[in-house]
Amino acid sequence: MQQLDWKFGPHSVRYEAPDIVLATFVGPIDLDEIKRAVDVYGEIAQKYGPYYLIADIGQSQLGAEPRRYLSENAKADWFKGSVYVGADVVQQTFGKVIALGMLFTGKSRFETTFVKDHEEARAWVAQHRQKHKKKLG
């Protein structure tokens, strides 16, 4: 059976077919933990293709070194879009910086948004899917 759930420290990542990854981060995120998260993100993209990342970061802190690692090693083409749940102003700023850094990996567009809760996150994903379908068809 394929692994659909990953846990490292207090943090977790879950793949939901067909194209959603839920990541929950609680407390400080150290370099080894962000390396594991990036590895998991890449594994999922390789197995299932691009996906929407819904990252619950409201109860977490990401230091400079892990933030730099994430920006330099996560690939924009893994994602259809990223939704950050519960981010404060500082986290939103860093989220935008990370997204900007990922654009330099070659993808011409990378959508990132910030919402208050999971319901809003799923609504954004549904709306984004619908908008994308209209462009394709």
C-alpha atoms as a PDB file:
ATOM      1  CA  MET A   1       0.000   0.000   0.000  1.00  0.00           C
ATOM      2  CA  GLN A   2       1.257   3.459  -0.849  1.00  0.00           C
ATOM      3  CA  GLN A   3       2.099   5.737   2.032  1.00  0.00           C
ATOM      4  CA  LEU A   4      -0.315   8.631   2.114  1.00  0.00           C
ATOM      5  CA  ASP A   5       0.637  10.022   5.543  1.00  0.00           C
ATOM      6  CA  TRP A   6       4.016  11.171   6.779  1.00  0.00           C
ATOM      7  CA  LYS A   7       4.917  12.361  10.273  1.00  0.00           C
ATOM      8  CA  PHE A   8       8.142  13.977  11.453  1.00  0.00           C
ATOM      9  CA  GLY A   9       8.269  15.377  14.951  1.00  0.00           C
ATOM     10  CA  PRO A  10       5.030  17.254  15.658  1.00  0.00           C
ATOM     11  CA  HIS A  11       4.520  17.951  11.945  1.00  0.00           C
ATOM     12  CA  SER A  12       2.560  15.930   9.394  1.00  0.00           C
ATOM     13  CA  VAL A  13       1.883  15.725   5.672  1.00  0.00           C
ATOM     14  CA  ARG A  14      -1.039  13.893   4.061  1.00  0.00           C
ATOM     15  CA  TYR A  15      -1.794  13.284   0.396  1.00  0.00           C
ATOM     16  CA  GLU A  16      -5.465  13.312  -0.623  1.00  0.00           C
ATOM     17  CA  ALA A  17      -6.215  12.107  -4.146  1.00  0.00           C
ATOM     18  CA  PRO A  18      -6.439  13.436  -6.700  1.00  0.00           C
ATOM     19  CA  ASP A  19      -4.341  16.549  -6.036  1.00  0.00           C
ATOM     20  CA  ILE A  20      -4.283  17.927  -2.491  1.00  0.00           C
ATOM     21  CA  VAL A  21      -1.495  17.755   0.072  1.00  0.00           C
ATOM     22  CA  LEU A  22      -2.293  18.840   3.620  1.00  0.00           C
ATOM     23  CA  ALA A  23       0.720  19.849   5.699  1.00  0.00           C
ATOM     24  CA  THR A  24       0.368  20.733   9.367  1.00  0.00           C
ATOM     25  CA  PHE A  25       3.241  22.337  11.226  1.00  0.00           C
ATOM     26  CA  VAL A  26       3.213  22.843  14.995  1.00  0.00           C
ATOM     27  CA  GLY A  27       5.934  24.707  16.866  1.00  0.00           C
ATOM     28  CA  PRO A  28       9.434  25.462  15.598  1.00  0.00           C
ATOM     29  CA  ILE A  29      10.422  23.787  12.331  1.00  0.00           C
ATOM     30  CA  ASP A  30      14.097  22.872  12.327  1.00  0.00           C
ATOM     31  CA  LEU A  31      16.330  22.299   9.302  1.00  0.00           C
ATOM     32  CA  ASP A  32      16.017  18.492   9.364  1.00  0.00           C
ATOM     33  CA  GLU A  33      12.225  18.747   9.540  1.00  0.00           C
ATOM     34  CA  ILE A  34      11.982  21.150   6.601  1.00  0.00           C
ATOM     35  CA  LYS A  35      14.363  18.915   4.629  1.00  0.00           C
ATOM     36  CA  ARG A  36      12.017  15.995   5.303  1.00  0.00           C
ATOM     37  CA  ALA A  37       8.989  18.074   4.282  1.00  0.00           C
ATOM     38  CA  VAL A  38      10.678  19.108   1.019  1.00  0.00           C
ATOM     39  CA  ASP A  39      11.623  15.463   0.335  1.00  0.00           C
ATOM     40  CA  VAL A  40       8.005  14.412   0.894  1.00  0.00           C
ATOM     41  CA  TYR A  41       6.700  17.225  -1.329  1.00  0.00           C
ATOM     42  CA  GLY A  42       9.027  16.038  -4.100  1.00  0.00           C
ATOM     43  CA  GLU A  43       8.082  12.358  -3.640  1.00  0.00           C
ATOM     44  CA  ILE A  44       4.397  13.203  -3.924  1.00  0.00           C
ATOM     45  CA  ALA A  45       4.913  15.295  -7.062  1.00  0.00           C
ATOM     46  CA  GLN A  46       6.967  12.527  -8.651  1.00  0.00           C
ATOM     47  CA  LYS A  47       4.317   9.857  -7.919  1.00  0.00           C
ATOM     48  CA  TYR A  48       1.111  11.832  -8.479  1.00  0.00           C
ATOM     49  CA  GLY A  49       2.000  14.982 -10.395  1.00  0.00           C
ATOM     50  CA  PRO A  50       1.439  18.618  -9.402  1.00  0.00           C
ATOM     51  CA  TYR A  51      -0.884  19.283  -6.486  1.00  0.00           C
ATOM     52  CA  TYR A  52      -2.400  21.967  -4.290  1.00  0.00           C
ATOM     53  CA  LEU A  53      -0.506  22.417  -1.029  1.00  0.00           C
ATOM     54  CA  ILE A  54      -2.648  23.432   1.937  1.00  0.00           C
ATOM     55  CA  ALA A  55      -0.176  24.247   4.713  1.00  0.00           C
ATOM     56  CA  ASP A  56      -1.463  24.954   8.213  1.00  0.00           C
ATOM     57  CA  ILE A  57       1.299  27.145   9.621  1.00  0.00           C
ATOM     58  CA  GLY A  58      -0.548  29.231  12.210  1.00  0.00           C
ATOM     59  CA  GLN A  59       1.033  27.403  15.147  1.00  0.00           C
ATOM     60  CA  SER A  60       4.541  27.172  13.700  1.00  0.00           C
ATOM     61  CA  GLN A  61       7.764  29.126  13.384  1.00  0.00           C
ATOM     62  CA  LEU A  62      10.251  28.809  10.539  1.00  0.00           C
ATOM     63  CA  GLY A  63      13.746  30.154  11.170  1.00  0.00           C
ATOM     64  CA  ALA A  64      16.077  31.717   8.606  1.00  0.00           C
ATOM     65  CA  GLU A  65      18.062  28.579   7.711  1.00  0.00           C
ATOM     66  CA  PRO A  66      15.009  26.296   7.209  1.00  0.00           C
ATOM     67  CA  ARG A  67      13.249  29.093   5.301  1.00  0.00           C
ATOM     68  CA  ARG A  68      16.236  29.459   2.964  1.00  0.00           C
ATOM     69  CA  TYR A  69      16.360  25.685   2.439  1.00  0.00           C
ATOM     70  CA  LEU A  70      12.655  25.602   1.556  1.00  0.00           C
ATOM     71  CA  SER A  71      13.002  28.491  -0.892  1.00  0.00           C
ATOM     72  CA  GLU A  72      16.035  26.973  -2.605  1.00  0.00           C
ATOM     73  CA  ASN A  73      14.907  23.338  -2.764  1.00  0.00           C
ATOM     74  CA  ALA A  74      11.131  23.191  -3.232  1.00  0.00           C
ATOM     75  CA  LYS A  75      10.256  23.287  -6.929  1.00  0.00           C
ATOM     76  CA  ALA A  76       7.401  25.461  -8.172  1.00  0.00           C
ATOM     77  CA  ASP A  77       6.393  22.852 -10.750  1.00  0.00           C
ATOM     78  CA  TRP A  78       5.457  20.445  -7.922  1.00  0.00           C
ATOM     79  CA  PHE A  79       2.514  22.697  -7.062  1.00  0.00           C
ATOM     80  CA  LYS A  80      -0.671  23.856  -8.738  1.00  0.00           C
ATOM     81  CA  GLY A  81      -0.865  26.444  -5.968  1.00  0.00           C
ATOM     82  CA  SER A  82      -0.160  26.936  -2.274  1.00  0.00           C
ATOM     83  CA  VAL A  83      -2.655  27.904   0.390  1.00  0.00           C
ATOM     84  CA  TYR A  84      -1.351  28.917   3.809  1.00  0.00           C
ATOM     85  CA  VAL A  85      -3.804  28.539   6.683  1.00  0.00           C
ATOM     86  CA  GLY A  86      -3.607  30.720   9.794  1.00  0.00           C
ATOM     87  CA  ALA A  87      -0.515  32.707   8.822  1.00  0.00           C
ATOM     88  CA  ASP A  88       0.217  35.912  10.696  1.00  0.00           C
ATOM     89  CA  VAL A  89       1.617  39.002   8.937  1.00  0.00           C
ATOM     90  CA  VAL A  90       5.243  37.893   9.347  1.00  0.00           C
ATOM     91  CA  GLN A  91       4.483  34.399   8.027  1.00  0.00           C
ATOM     92  CA  GLN A  92       2.602  35.904   5.082  1.00  0.00           C
ATOM     93  CA  THR A  93       5.608  38.040   4.210  1.00  0.00           C
ATOM     94  CA  PHE A  94       7.956  35.063   4.330  1.00  0.00           C
ATOM     95  CA  GLY A  95       5.455  32.945   2.376  1.00  0.00           C
ATOM     96  CA  LYS A  96       5.453  35.524  -0.396  1.00  0.00           C
ATOM     97  CA  VAL A  97       9.256  35.653  -0.396  1.00  0.00           C
ATOM     98  CA  ILE A  98       9.446  31.849  -0.648  1.00  0.00           C
ATOM     99  CA  ALA A  99       6.918  31.843  -3.503  1.00  0.00           C
ATOM    100  CA  LEU A 100       8.921  34.529  -5.305  1.00  0.00           C
ATOM    101  CA  GLY A 101      12.087  32.483  -4.870  1.00  0.00           C
ATOM    102  CA  MET A 102      10.353  29.439  -6.332  1.00  0.00           C
ATOM    103  CA  LEU A 103       9.440  31.428  -9.444  1.00  0.00           C
ATOM    104  CA  PHE A 104      13.134  31.659 -10.221  1.00  0.00           C
ATOM    105  CA  THR A 105      13.129  27.872 -10.726  1.00  0.00           C
ATOM    106  CA  GLY A 106      11.541  28.486 -14.111  1.00  0.00           C
ATOM    107  CA  LYS A 107       7.785  28.434 -13.648  1.00  0.00           C
ATOM    108  CA  SER A 108       6.177  31.543 -15.076  1.00  0.00           C
ATOM    109  CA  ARG A 109       3.313  31.615 -12.595  1.00  0.00           C
ATOM    110  CA  PHE A 110       2.932  30.368  -9.050  1.00  0.00           C
ATOM    111  CA  GLU A 111      -0.186  31.156  -7.056  1.00  0.00           C
ATOM    112  CA  THR A 112      -0.013  31.543  -3.300  1.00  0.00           C
ATOM    113  CA  THR A 113      -2.816  32.663  -1.040  1.00  0.00           C
ATOM    114  CA  PHE A 114      -3.442  33.057   2.679  1.00  0.00           C
ATOM    115  CA  VAL A 115      -6.679  32.077   4.420  1.00  0.00           C
ATOM    116  CA  LYS A 116      -8.002  31.838   7.972  1.00  0.00           C
ATOM    117  CA  ASP A 117      -9.177  28.200   8.014  1.00  0.00           C
ATOM    118  CA  HIS A 118      -9.307  24.897   6.144  1.00  0.00           C
ATOM    119  CA  GLU A 119     -12.797  25.568   4.807  1.00  0.00           C
ATOM    120  CA  GLU A 120     -11.546  28.702   3.051  1.00  0.00           C
ATOM    121  CA  ALA A 121      -8.509  26.768   1.803  1.00  0.00           C
ATOM    122  CA  ARG A 122     -10.632  24.056   0.202  1.00  0.00           C
ATOM    123  CA  ALA A 123     -12.952  26.678  -1.291  1.00  0.00           C
ATOM    124  CA  TRP A 124      -9.936  28.420  -2.860  1.00  0.00           C
ATOM    125  CA  VAL A 125      -8.725  25.104  -4.310  1.00  0.00           C
ATOM    126  CA  ALA A 126     -12.187  24.349  -5.756  1.00  0.00           C
ATOM    127  CA  GLN A 127     -12.388  27.832  -7.273  1.00  0.00           C
ATOM    128  CA  HIS A 128      -8.860  27.560  -8.683  1.00  0.00           C
ATOM    129  CA  ARG A 129      -9.648  24.160 -10.239  1.00  0.00           C
ATOM    130  CA  GLN A 130     -12.797  25.571 -11.846  1.00  0.00           C
ATOM    131  CA  LYS A 131     -10.927  28.579 -13.218  1.00  0.00           C
ATOM    132  CA  HIS A 132      -8.205  26.289 -14.567  1.00  0.00           C
ATOM    133  CA  LYS A 133     -10.782  23.996 -16.258  1.00  0.00           C
ATOM    134  CA  LYS A 134     -12.328  26.979 -18.039  1.00  0.00           C
ATOM    135  CA  LYS A 135      -8.913  27.992 -19.381  1.00  0.00           C
ATOM    136  CA  LEU A 136      -8.277  24.464 -20.680  1.00  0.00           C
ATOM    137  CA  GLY A 137     -11.689  23.777 -22.124  1.00  0.00           C
END
